[in-house]
């Protein structure tokens, strides 16, 4: 109790000791032509005071579901209470419980056409199932999209579906879906496997056999690592039984279906299949923290500012991963941005649209907190959410940028709304003059950062987004990501840019338009 008391007292000091006095901010509406006065309440001193607590050893790396993560959410909640910014939930609770489950690796076997195969040698899976099925349907690449479908005239309801990785080509070697020599999203393993599984589930499949000889060694390596370290995989707990996915090695795939590498979709094999795969899963107690400032003219439209509150915890050797940049920097930037909006509201300049401050859990476990908010329980309707500005690592300098430090990487600003992209650039030119670097916005960027932070769960729901990012560095996901490495002048400048951008999105007459739908 004493340690918590000290933390909360420190928080109260951080929120009041160096903030710009309200008396210094012009109160007359005609005197405020823009939000610069409120942006100035975002200071290096307050950012540092917050971060020295938030990324301290006391918080033990803020791993999802741990006592350190509980300290983190308590700190964030107390900050909003000190600022007198209310909870987003109607019951006044700042915490949005996120039901997660740590799925342990299963043990067991699969029987296919009266032959038994063993996990770890013939296949790998991260799912559990004890069930029996009659019928295997080969569904080609397992793709169902506009202009092409492997499921045309194919009934897979309650059947086991077998599919292979990749996407189809024309006779001339071009790809059918893109119409060019360029691959589409269906050839990207990390994205395609989830999309194909979701399609199979929507089609009514009871299980999936997936054949990807190129990436199977990666699946197998991850499985063996988890087995050796007694680790599990965290995911949003579903009330429904998930469709089990079996990742097959080449030998098993060809035993079950010899023509798998050449056949077209549509073949049905009338064979029995049974799964005997058991695991002991563990429920994880965790939460998002959500507050908001109600809009003065358009309160039913929402601008969501987000960052993730978690990190990766403590290494096996006992070293703490403090996560000062990832994503302590985004978390404390949000607290300062929220304070700037609150000062505006106190001076009669509150935003026209409601501004939501969403601190999500489980990002490091697979964007789980934001997935829960968008896919399971959005506190505010997604249809009325006009944009998401997501902050994940904005306190450091990419080593490739040494000597040219006044920058920030922007990702996704033009993916769904050119208007949002133009607004972003206009705001920056007017107020902050930071170099907006779009290096990682390239569709062919091998890092695939667009899909690797919480904005993606908004983007996939056709909500325009901007992802603010300083790039990775040698301390990324290491114990050396500490407060002393943070460039607080850059953190302040970037936070002010995000505040100005959110201000413009929240106060313009019309919501930003969507001109491209999510793929």
Protein backbone atom coordinates (compact mmCIF):
# COMPACT_ATOMS: atom_id res chain seq x y z
CA UNK A 1 0.00 0.00 0.00
CA UNK A 2 2.82 2.43 0.78
CA UNK A 3 4.37 1.99 -2.64
CA UNK A 4 1.06 2.65 -4.36
CA UNK A 5 0.54 5.73 -2.20
CA UNK A 6 3.91 7.09 -3.23
CA UNK A 7 3.11 6.47 -6.88
CA UNK A 8 -0.19 8.32 -6.71
CA UNK A 9 1.33 11.23 -4.84
CA UNK A 10 4.04 11.41 -7.49
CA UNK A 11 1.36 11.41 -10.15
CA UNK A 12 -0.48 14.31 -8.56
CA UNK A 13 2.79 16.25 -8.50
CA UNK A 14 3.49 15.38 -12.14
CA UNK A 15 0.10 16.67 -13.20
CA UNK A 16 0.41 19.99 -11.42
CA UNK A 17 4.01 20.98 -10.77
CA UNK A 18 5.06 22.22 -14.18
CA UNK A 19 1.91 22.61 -16.21
CA UNK A 20 1.26 25.98 -17.79
CA UNK A 21 -0.95 28.04 -15.46
CA UNK A 22 -4.46 28.46 -16.77
CA UNK A 23 -4.15 32.21 -16.25
CA UNK A 24 -1.46 32.31 -18.93
CA UNK A 25 -3.84 30.98 -21.59
CA UNK A 26 -6.01 33.56 -23.39
CA UNK A 27 -9.62 32.99 -22.35
CA UNK A 28 -11.31 35.15 -24.98
CA UNK A 29 -12.45 33.06 -27.96
CA UNK A 30 -11.47 35.80 -30.39
CA UNK A 31 -7.92 35.72 -29.05
CA UNK A 32 -7.49 32.08 -29.96
CA UNK A 33 -7.13 31.71 -33.69
CA UNK A 34 -5.71 28.21 -33.30
CA UNK A 35 -4.82 25.73 -30.55
CA UNK A 36 -1.20 26.81 -30.07
CA UNK A 37 -1.77 28.07 -26.53
CA UNK A 38 -3.12 24.70 -25.45
CA UNK A 39 -0.40 22.78 -27.28
CA UNK A 40 2.14 24.66 -25.17
CA UNK A 41 0.83 22.87 -22.06
CA UNK A 42 2.57 19.77 -23.45
CA UNK A 43 6.00 20.13 -21.87
CA UNK A 44 9.22 18.17 -21.63
CA UNK A 45 9.13 18.45 -17.85
CA UNK A 46 5.70 16.83 -17.46
CA UNK A 47 6.48 14.13 -20.03
CA UNK A 48 9.62 13.26 -18.09
CA UNK A 49 7.83 13.25 -14.72
CA UNK A 50 5.20 10.85 -16.02
CA UNK A 51 7.67 8.57 -17.76
CA UNK A 52 10.10 8.30 -14.87
CA UNK A 53 7.27 6.66 -12.93
CA UNK A 54 5.59 4.77 -15.76
CA UNK A 55 8.77 3.16 -17.11
CA UNK A 56 10.36 2.52 -13.72
CA UNK A 57 11.43 -0.85 -12.34
CA UNK A 58 8.41 -0.65 -10.02
CA UNK A 59 6.21 -1.52 -13.00
CA UNK A 60 8.29 -4.58 -13.94
CA UNK A 61 7.84 -4.17 -17.68
CA UNK A 62 4.01 -3.92 -17.63
CA UNK A 63 3.44 -7.35 -19.14
CA UNK A 64 -0.23 -8.04 -19.80
CA UNK A 65 -2.04 -9.49 -16.80
CA UNK A 66 0.84 -8.99 -14.33
CA UNK A 67 0.96 -6.82 -11.18
CA UNK A 68 3.15 -4.36 -13.09
CA UNK A 69 0.43 -3.90 -15.69
CA UNK A 70 -2.07 -3.28 -12.87
CA UNK A 71 0.17 -0.50 -11.54
CA UNK A 72 0.21 0.95 -15.05
CA UNK A 73 -3.56 1.07 -15.44
CA UNK A 74 -3.94 2.52 -11.95
CA UNK A 75 -1.47 5.26 -12.85
CA UNK A 76 -3.32 6.13 -16.05
CA UNK A 77 -6.69 6.13 -14.30
CA UNK A 78 -5.36 8.40 -11.53
CA UNK A 79 -3.97 10.79 -14.14
CA UNK A 80 -7.39 11.23 -15.74
CA UNK A 81 -9.04 11.63 -12.37
CA UNK A 82 -6.52 14.35 -11.48
CA UNK A 83 -7.24 16.09 -14.80
CA UNK A 84 -10.99 15.67 -14.17
CA UNK A 85 -11.45 13.95 -17.51
CA UNK A 86 -14.28 11.42 -17.09
CA UNK A 87 -14.35 7.74 -17.94
CA UNK A 88 -15.71 6.80 -21.34
CA UNK A 89 -18.01 4.09 -20.01
CA UNK A 90 -21.43 5.24 -18.92
CA UNK A 91 -21.03 3.55 -15.52
CA UNK A 92 -18.05 5.77 -14.72
CA UNK A 93 -15.51 2.93 -14.78
CA UNK A 94 -12.28 3.87 -16.55
CA UNK A 95 -11.44 0.19 -17.04
CA UNK A 96 -12.81 -1.79 -19.97
CA UNK A 97 -12.24 -5.40 -19.01
CA UNK A 98 -10.66 -7.37 -21.85
CA UNK A 99 -11.26 -11.13 -21.50
CA UNK A 100 -8.06 -12.82 -22.63
CA UNK A 101 -7.03 -16.44 -22.54
CA UNK A 102 -3.55 -17.91 -22.50
CA UNK A 103 -3.94 -20.95 -24.72
CA UNK A 104 -1.39 -23.56 -23.75
CA UNK A 105 0.11 -25.85 -26.34
CA UNK A 106 -2.09 -28.90 -26.86
CA UNK A 107 -1.08 -32.52 -26.60
CA UNK A 108 -2.58 -35.30 -28.66
CA UNK A 109 -3.16 -36.73 -32.10
CA UNK A 110 -5.21 -36.42 -35.27
CA UNK A 111 -6.73 -39.44 -36.97
CA UNK A 112 -7.29 -39.08 -40.73
CA UNK A 113 -8.91 -41.90 -42.68
CA UNK A 114 -8.05 -44.39 -39.92
CA UNK A 115 -4.36 -43.39 -39.71
CA UNK A 116 -3.06 -41.59 -36.63
CA UNK A 117 -0.66 -38.64 -36.85
CA UNK A 118 1.23 -36.98 -33.99
CA UNK A 119 1.55 -33.34 -33.06
CA UNK A 120 5.07 -32.01 -33.31
CA UNK A 121 6.24 -34.57 -35.87
CA UNK A 122 3.54 -34.69 -38.57
CA UNK A 123 1.87 -31.35 -37.91
CA UNK A 124 1.72 -28.47 -35.45
CA UNK A 125 -1.27 -26.66 -34.04
CA UNK A 126 -1.96 -24.13 -31.33
CA UNK A 127 -5.62 -25.11 -30.99
CA UNK A 128 -7.43 -27.69 -28.93
CA UNK A 129 -10.31 -29.85 -30.10
CA UNK A 130 -11.94 -33.15 -29.30
CA UNK A 131 -14.27 -33.80 -32.18
CA UNK A 132 -15.07 -36.04 -35.11
CA UNK A 133 -15.98 -35.10 -38.69
CA UNK A 134 -16.91 -36.76 -41.95
CA UNK A 135 -15.56 -35.25 -45.13
CA UNK A 136 -12.55 -33.29 -46.33
CA UNK A 137 -12.99 -30.52 -48.92
CA UNK A 138 -10.01 -29.17 -50.85
CA UNK A 139 -10.60 -25.41 -51.30
CA UNK A 140 -7.54 -24.43 -53.31
CA UNK A 141 -5.99 -21.29 -51.86
CA UNK A 142 -8.93 -20.65 -49.56
CA UNK A 143 -9.53 -17.18 -51.02
CA UNK A 144 -12.89 -15.46 -51.34
CA UNK A 145 -12.71 -11.91 -52.65
CA UNK A 146 -14.25 -9.70 -55.29
CA UNK A 147 -13.62 -11.20 -58.70
CA UNK A 148 -12.22 -14.49 -57.43
CA UNK A 149 -13.42 -17.21 -55.06
CA UNK A 150 -12.20 -20.71 -54.27
CA UNK A 151 -15.56 -21.33 -52.60
CA UNK A 152 -17.78 -20.91 -55.67
CA UNK A 153 -20.31 -23.73 -55.71
CA UNK A 154 -18.47 -25.34 -52.79
CA UNK A 155 -20.30 -26.41 -49.64
CA UNK A 156 -17.90 -26.70 -46.69
CA UNK A 157 -20.37 -26.39 -43.84
CA UNK A 158 -19.37 -28.71 -40.98
CA UNK A 159 -16.54 -30.09 -43.12
CA UNK A 160 -12.78 -30.02 -42.72
CA UNK A 161 -11.30 -27.64 -45.30
CA UNK A 162 -7.86 -28.16 -46.78
CA UNK A 163 -6.05 -25.24 -48.45
CA UNK A 164 -2.60 -24.22 -49.55
CA UNK A 165 -0.70 -20.98 -49.08
CA UNK A 166 -0.31 -18.37 -51.80
CA UNK A 167 -2.64 -17.17 -54.55
CA UNK A 168 -3.55 -18.19 -58.12
CA UNK A 169 -1.79 -17.17 -61.32
CA UNK A 170 -2.86 -16.78 -64.92
CA UNK A 171 -1.29 -18.85 -67.67
CA UNK A 172 1.08 -15.98 -68.51
CA UNK A 173 2.48 -15.93 -64.98
CA UNK A 174 0.64 -12.84 -63.77
CA UNK A 175 -1.43 -13.03 -60.59
CA UNK A 176 -5.17 -13.32 -61.08
CA UNK A 177 -6.13 -11.06 -58.20
CA UNK A 178 -3.73 -8.19 -58.90
CA UNK A 179 -3.74 -8.67 -62.67
CA UNK A 180 0.00 -7.96 -62.64
CA UNK A 181 3.27 -9.63 -61.77
CA UNK A 182 2.91 -8.20 -58.25
CA UNK A 183 1.54 -10.38 -55.47
CA UNK A 184 -1.37 -9.26 -53.32
CA UNK A 185 -2.04 -9.49 -49.59
CA UNK A 186 -2.93 -13.15 -50.13
CA UNK A 187 0.75 -13.96 -50.58
CA UNK A 188 1.81 -12.36 -47.32
CA UNK A 189 1.95 -15.15 -44.76
CA UNK A 190 1.35 -13.08 -41.64
CA UNK A 191 -1.78 -11.46 -43.06
CA UNK A 192 -3.15 -14.13 -45.39
CA UNK A 193 -3.31 -16.99 -42.92
CA UNK A 194 -5.67 -15.10 -40.63
CA UNK A 195 -7.82 -13.84 -43.49
CA UNK A 196 -8.13 -17.33 -44.97
CA UNK A 197 -9.02 -18.83 -41.60
CA UNK A 198 -11.72 -16.21 -41.07
CA UNK A 199 -13.21 -16.90 -44.51
CA UNK A 200 -13.28 -20.65 -43.85
CA UNK A 201 -15.04 -20.03 -40.55
CA UNK A 202 -17.59 -17.76 -42.23
CA UNK A 203 -18.21 -20.51 -44.80
CA UNK A 204 -19.05 -22.89 -41.94
CA UNK A 205 -15.91 -25.03 -41.91
CA UNK A 206 -15.34 -27.03 -38.73
CA UNK A 207 -11.55 -27.28 -39.10
CA UNK A 208 -8.73 -26.23 -41.42
CA UNK A 209 -5.76 -28.15 -42.79
CA UNK A 210 -3.21 -25.59 -43.98
CA UNK A 211 -0.29 -26.39 -46.25
CA UNK A 212 2.57 -23.89 -46.49
CA UNK A 213 5.86 -25.69 -47.18
CA UNK A 214 7.85 -22.43 -47.31
CA UNK A 215 6.81 -21.23 -43.87
CA UNK A 216 6.20 -24.56 -42.14
CA UNK A 217 9.70 -24.51 -40.57
CA UNK A 218 8.75 -21.17 -38.94
CA UNK A 219 5.54 -22.63 -37.52
CA UNK A 220 7.42 -25.67 -36.29
CA UNK A 221 10.19 -23.53 -34.78
CA UNK A 222 7.69 -21.38 -32.91
CA UNK A 223 5.87 -24.46 -31.67
CA UNK A 224 9.13 -26.03 -30.43
CA UNK A 225 10.15 -22.77 -28.74
CA UNK A 226 6.83 -22.58 -26.92
CA UNK A 227 7.09 -26.22 -25.93
CA UNK A 228 10.63 -25.83 -24.60
CA UNK A 229 9.77 -22.69 -22.65
CA UNK A 230 6.35 -23.82 -21.46
CA UNK A 231 4.79 -20.76 -23.06
CA UNK A 232 1.28 -20.22 -24.33
CA UNK A 233 -0.38 -17.94 -26.86
CA UNK A 234 -2.64 -15.14 -25.65
CA UNK A 235 -5.87 -14.29 -27.45
CA UNK A 236 -9.27 -12.76 -26.87
CA UNK A 237 -11.39 -15.35 -25.10
CA UNK A 238 -14.25 -16.41 -27.31
CA UNK A 239 -17.50 -17.93 -26.16
CA UNK A 240 -17.68 -19.83 -29.44
CA UNK A 241 -15.52 -22.82 -30.27
CA UNK A 242 -12.76 -21.63 -32.55
CA UNK A 243 -12.21 -23.33 -35.87
CA UNK A 244 -9.14 -25.49 -35.32
CA UNK A 245 -6.20 -25.03 -37.71
CA UNK A 246 -3.71 -27.82 -38.39
CA UNK A 247 -0.43 -26.76 -40.02
CA UNK A 248 0.71 -29.74 -42.06
CA UNK A 249 4.21 -30.67 -43.13
CA UNK A 250 4.76 -31.73 -46.72
CA UNK A 251 4.79 -35.45 -45.99
CA UNK A 252 1.42 -35.40 -44.23
CA UNK A 253 -0.19 -33.06 -46.74
CA UNK A 254 0.71 -35.31 -49.66
CA UNK A 255 -0.37 -38.44 -47.82
CA UNK A 256 -3.79 -36.93 -47.22
CA UNK A 257 -4.13 -35.31 -50.65
CA UNK A 258 -1.41 -36.21 -53.18
CA UNK A 259 -2.51 -33.53 -55.68
CA UNK A 260 -2.39 -30.65 -53.21
CA UNK A 261 0.26 -28.65 -55.10
CA UNK A 262 -1.48 -28.82 -58.48
CA UNK A 263 -5.21 -29.38 -58.00
CA UNK A 264 -7.88 -26.74 -58.35
CA UNK A 265 -10.45 -26.08 -55.67
CA UNK A 266 -13.54 -28.18 -55.34
CA UNK A 267 -12.59 -31.78 -54.68
CA UNK A 268 -14.39 -33.59 -51.86
CA UNK A 269 -12.96 -36.62 -50.05
CA UNK A 270 -15.46 -38.67 -48.06
CA UNK A 271 -13.10 -39.68 -45.24
CA UNK A 272 -13.41 -39.69 -41.43
CA UNK A 273 -11.32 -37.24 -39.41
CA UNK A 274 -11.07 -36.95 -35.64
CA UNK A 275 -9.13 -34.68 -33.30
CA UNK A 276 -7.90 -35.56 -29.83
CA UNK A 277 -6.04 -32.40 -28.82
CA UNK A 278 -6.21 -31.24 -25.20
CA UNK A 279 -4.75 -28.25 -23.39
CA UNK A 280 -5.13 -26.45 -20.08
CA UNK A 281 -5.85 -22.80 -20.85
CA UNK A 282 -5.52 -19.91 -18.41
CA UNK A 283 -7.78 -16.85 -18.11
CA UNK A 284 -5.89 -13.52 -18.07
CA UNK A 285 -7.24 -10.55 -16.11
CA UNK A 286 -6.51 -7.32 -17.95
CA UNK A 287 -8.15 -4.10 -19.11
CA UNK A 288 -8.07 -1.10 -21.42
CA UNK A 289 -8.23 2.36 -19.86
CA UNK A 290 -10.63 4.71 -21.66
CA UNK A 291 -11.58 8.32 -20.96
CA UNK A 292 -13.12 11.03 -23.12
CA UNK A 293 -13.97 14.70 -23.47
CA UNK A 294 -17.49 15.17 -24.77
CA UNK A 295 -17.86 17.22 -27.93
CA UNK A 296 -19.56 20.60 -27.72
CA UNK A 297 -21.37 20.50 -31.08
CA UNK A 298 -21.03 16.97 -32.49
CA UNK A 299 -20.83 14.81 -29.34
CA UNK A 300 -21.97 11.69 -31.21
CA UNK A 301 -18.90 11.73 -33.45
CA UNK A 302 -15.60 10.52 -32.04
CA UNK A 303 -11.88 11.00 -32.62
CA UNK A 304 -9.95 8.17 -30.96
CA UNK A 305 -6.35 8.73 -29.85
CA UNK A 306 -4.68 5.46 -28.86
CA UNK A 307 -1.49 3.96 -27.51
CA UNK A 308 -0.71 0.66 -25.83
CA UNK A 309 -0.12 0.55 -22.10
CA UNK A 310 1.66 -2.83 -21.93
CA UNK A 311 5.19 -4.02 -22.64
CA UNK A 312 7.00 -7.38 -22.53
CA UNK A 313 7.77 -7.71 -18.83
CA UNK A 314 10.82 -9.41 -17.32
CA UNK A 315 13.35 -11.57 -19.16
CA UNK A 316 14.07 -15.14 -18.13
CA UNK A 317 17.30 -13.90 -16.53
CA UNK A 318 15.39 -11.39 -14.40
CA UNK A 319 16.16 -8.22 -16.37
CA UNK A 320 13.26 -5.77 -16.60
CA UNK A 321 12.15 -4.50 -19.99
CA UNK A 322 11.03 -1.02 -18.95
CA UNK A 323 9.63 -0.06 -22.37
CA UNK A 324 10.30 3.66 -22.01
CA UNK A 325 9.90 4.18 -25.74
CA UNK A 326 7.69 1.13 -26.42
CA UNK A 327 5.19 2.41 -25.51
CA UNK A 328 5.82 4.51 -22.47
CA UNK A 329 6.44 7.42 -24.82
CA UNK A 330 3.02 7.03 -26.44
CA UNK A 331 1.28 6.62 -23.10
CA UNK A 332 2.68 9.78 -21.51
CA UNK A 333 2.18 11.73 -24.75
CA UNK A 334 -1.51 10.83 -24.57
CA UNK A 335 -1.76 12.06 -20.98
CA UNK A 336 -0.28 15.40 -22.03
CA UNK A 337 -2.49 15.62 -25.13
CA UNK A 338 -5.51 14.91 -22.94
CA UNK A 339 -4.44 17.69 -20.58
CA UNK A 340 -4.20 20.12 -23.52
CA UNK A 341 -7.74 19.26 -24.63
CA UNK A 342 -8.97 19.64 -21.07
CA UNK A 343 -7.38 23.09 -20.75
CA UNK A 344 -9.14 24.08 -23.98
CA UNK A 345 -12.47 22.86 -22.61
CA UNK A 346 -11.94 24.73 -19.33
CA UNK A 347 -11.39 27.90 -21.36
CA UNK A 348 -14.57 27.49 -23.38
CA UNK A 349 -12.74 26.01 -26.39
CA UNK A 350 -13.72 22.38 -26.03
CA UNK A 351 -13.61 20.19 -29.16
CA UNK A 352 -16.70 20.08 -31.36
CA UNK A 353 -16.43 16.30 -31.64
CA UNK A 354 -15.83 14.00 -28.71
CA UNK A 355 -12.21 12.97 -28.20
CA UNK A 356 -11.57 9.48 -26.82
CA UNK A 357 -8.32 8.57 -25.07
CA UNK A 358 -7.89 4.81 -25.50
CA UNK A 359 -5.01 3.08 -23.69
CA UNK A 360 -5.05 -0.54 -24.84
CA UNK A 361 -3.69 -3.67 -23.24
CA UNK A 362 -2.20 -6.73 -24.92
CA UNK A 363 -0.63 -4.99 -27.91
CA UNK A 364 2.56 -6.99 -27.49
CA UNK A 365 0.46 -10.17 -27.44
CA UNK A 366 -1.13 -9.48 -30.82
CA UNK A 367 -3.04 -6.15 -30.75
CA UNK A 368 -5.55 -7.76 -28.41
CA UNK A 369 -6.86 -4.77 -26.46
CA UNK A 370 -7.62 -2.79 -29.60
CA UNK A 371 -9.07 -5.90 -31.23
CA UNK A 372 -11.45 -6.26 -28.31
CA UNK A 373 -12.46 -2.60 -28.51
CA UNK A 374 -13.15 -2.69 -32.26
CA UNK A 375 -14.38 -6.24 -32.83
CA UNK A 376 -16.15 -7.14 -29.60
CA UNK A 377 -17.14 -4.17 -27.47
CA UNK A 378 -16.67 -0.68 -28.93
CA UNK A 379 -17.64 1.76 -26.21
CA UNK A 380 -18.58 4.26 -28.92
CA UNK A 381 -20.00 3.15 -32.30
CA UNK A 382 -17.39 2.51 -34.97
CA UNK A 383 -19.75 4.01 -37.54
CA UNK A 384 -19.45 7.32 -35.67
CA UNK A 385 -15.68 7.09 -35.18
CA UNK A 386 -14.20 9.57 -37.63
CA UNK A 387 -10.49 8.78 -37.19
CA UNK A 388 -7.91 7.02 -35.07
CA UNK A 389 -4.54 8.59 -34.30
CA UNK A 390 -2.30 5.87 -32.90
CA UNK A 391 0.96 6.51 -31.04
CA UNK A 392 3.50 3.73 -30.66
CA UNK A 393 7.12 4.74 -29.96
CA UNK A 394 7.74 8.46 -30.47
CA UNK A 395 10.53 9.18 -27.99
CA UNK A 396 13.66 8.05 -29.79
CA UNK A 397 15.65 8.48 -33.00
CA UNK A 398 16.00 5.79 -35.63
CA UNK A 399 19.78 5.15 -35.98
CA UNK A 400 19.35 5.68 -39.71
CA UNK A 401 18.21 9.22 -38.95
CA UNK A 402 21.13 10.33 -36.74
CA UNK A 403 22.01 13.92 -37.61
CA UNK A 404 18.54 14.51 -39.04
CA UNK A 405 16.49 14.14 -35.90
CA UNK A 406 13.44 16.42 -36.29
CA UNK A 407 11.22 13.84 -37.99
CA UNK A 408 8.52 11.29 -37.33
CA UNK A 409 7.45 8.35 -39.44
CA UNK A 410 3.81 8.50 -40.55
CA UNK A 411 2.15 5.30 -41.63
CA UNK A 412 -1.33 4.83 -43.07
CA UNK A 413 -2.41 8.46 -43.33
CA UNK A 414 -3.34 8.07 -47.01
CA UNK A 415 -4.55 4.46 -46.97
CA UNK A 416 -8.23 5.23 -46.48
CA UNK A 417 -8.57 9.01 -46.63
CA UNK A 418 -6.53 11.36 -48.77
CA UNK A 419 -8.30 14.18 -46.96
CA UNK A 420 -6.85 13.06 -43.62
CA UNK A 421 -3.40 12.84 -45.19
CA UNK A 422 -3.66 16.37 -46.59
CA UNK A 423 -5.00 17.70 -43.28
CA UNK A 424 -2.06 16.10 -41.47
CA UNK A 425 0.49 17.73 -43.73
CA UNK A 426 -1.24 21.11 -43.57
CA UNK A 427 -1.35 21.05 -39.78
CA UNK A 428 2.32 20.11 -39.55
CA UNK A 429 3.37 22.89 -41.93
CA UNK A 430 1.38 25.42 -39.96
CA UNK A 431 2.32 24.49 -36.39
CA UNK A 432 5.25 22.10 -35.93
CA UNK A 433 7.30 21.79 -39.12
CA UNK A 434 8.49 18.27 -38.37
CA UNK A 435 9.73 16.20 -41.31
CA UNK A 436 6.98 13.67 -42.03
CA UNK A 437 8.80 10.60 -43.28
CA UNK A 438 6.69 8.07 -45.19
CA UNK A 439 9.44 5.47 -45.58
CA UNK A 440 7.43 2.73 -43.86
CA UNK A 441 4.16 3.65 -45.56
CA UNK A 442 5.24 1.78 -48.69
CA UNK A 443 2.97 -1.17 -49.49
CA UNK A 444 6.09 -3.25 -50.17
CA UNK A 445 7.86 -2.37 -46.92
CA UNK A 446 9.09 -5.74 -45.60
CA UNK A 447 8.58 -4.64 -41.97
CA UNK A 448 4.80 -4.43 -42.52
CA UNK A 449 4.49 -1.86 -39.72
CA UNK A 450 1.03 -0.87 -40.98
CA UNK A 451 -0.24 -4.21 -39.68
CA UNK A 452 1.74 -4.26 -36.45
CA UNK A 453 0.18 -1.69 -34.12
CA UNK A 454 -3.26 -0.93 -32.77
CA UNK A 455 -4.40 1.44 -35.51
CA UNK A 456 -4.79 -1.59 -37.79
CA UNK A 457 -7.86 -2.81 -35.92
CA UNK A 458 -9.49 0.54 -36.71
CA UNK A 459 -8.26 0.63 -40.30
CA UNK A 460 -9.65 -2.82 -41.08
CA UNK A 461 -13.03 -1.41 -40.02
CA UNK A 462 -12.70 1.45 -42.54
CA UNK A 463 -11.82 4.11 -39.99
CA UNK A 464 -9.13 6.51 -41.31
CA UNK A 465 -5.94 6.29 -39.27
CA UNK A 466 -2.52 7.81 -38.76
CA UNK A 467 0.22 5.82 -37.05
CA UNK A 468 3.00 7.91 -35.45
CA UNK A 469 6.30 6.06 -35.02
CA UNK A 470 9.98 6.86 -34.55
CA UNK A 471 11.26 3.55 -35.92
CA UNK A 472 13.06 0.75 -34.13
CA UNK A 473 16.48 1.00 -32.51
CA UNK A 474 19.04 -1.23 -30.79
CA UNK A 475 17.07 -1.07 -27.54
CA UNK A 476 13.81 -2.26 -29.07
CA UNK A 477 12.31 -5.00 -26.84
CA UNK A 478 15.39 -5.01 -24.62
CA UNK A 479 16.05 -4.03 -21.00
CA UNK A 480 18.03 -1.06 -22.33
CA UNK A 481 14.85 0.75 -23.51
CA UNK A 482 15.06 3.13 -20.56
CA UNK A 483 14.03 6.68 -19.71
CA UNK A 484 17.56 8.09 -20.01
CA UNK A 485 17.51 7.23 -23.73
CA UNK A 486 14.39 9.30 -24.45
CA UNK A 487 14.73 12.55 -26.43
CA UNK A 488 12.16 14.61 -24.55
CA UNK A 489 12.36 17.58 -26.91
CA UNK A 490 11.34 15.33 -29.79
CA UNK A 491 8.70 13.61 -27.69
CA UNK A 492 7.19 17.01 -26.90
CA UNK A 493 7.27 18.16 -30.54
CA UNK A 494 5.68 14.97 -31.80
CA UNK A 495 3.01 15.04 -29.10
CA UNK A 496 2.18 18.62 -30.04
CA UNK A 497 1.87 17.59 -33.71
CA UNK A 498 -0.58 14.84 -32.75
CA UNK A 499 -2.56 17.24 -30.57
CA UNK A 500 -2.84 19.79 -33.39
CA UNK A 501 -3.89 17.07 -35.84
CA UNK A 502 -6.51 15.69 -33.45
CA UNK A 503 -7.71 19.25 -32.80
CA UNK A 504 -8.28 19.88 -36.50
CA UNK A 505 -10.03 16.55 -37.04
CA UNK A 506 -12.24 17.18 -34.02
CA UNK A 507 -13.16 20.77 -34.91
CA UNK A 508 -13.57 20.84 -38.70
CA UNK A 509 -17.09 21.25 -40.07
CA UNK A 510 -17.26 17.85 -41.80
CA UNK A 511 -15.76 14.52 -40.80
CA UNK A 512 -12.84 13.40 -42.96
CA UNK A 513 -14.03 11.50 -46.01
CA UNK A 514 -13.13 7.92 -46.84
CA UNK A 515 -12.07 7.41 -50.45
CA UNK A 516 -10.58 3.91 -50.27
CA UNK A 517 -12.10 0.96 -48.44
CA UNK A 518 -9.94 -1.40 -46.38
CA UNK A 519 -8.63 -4.39 -48.26
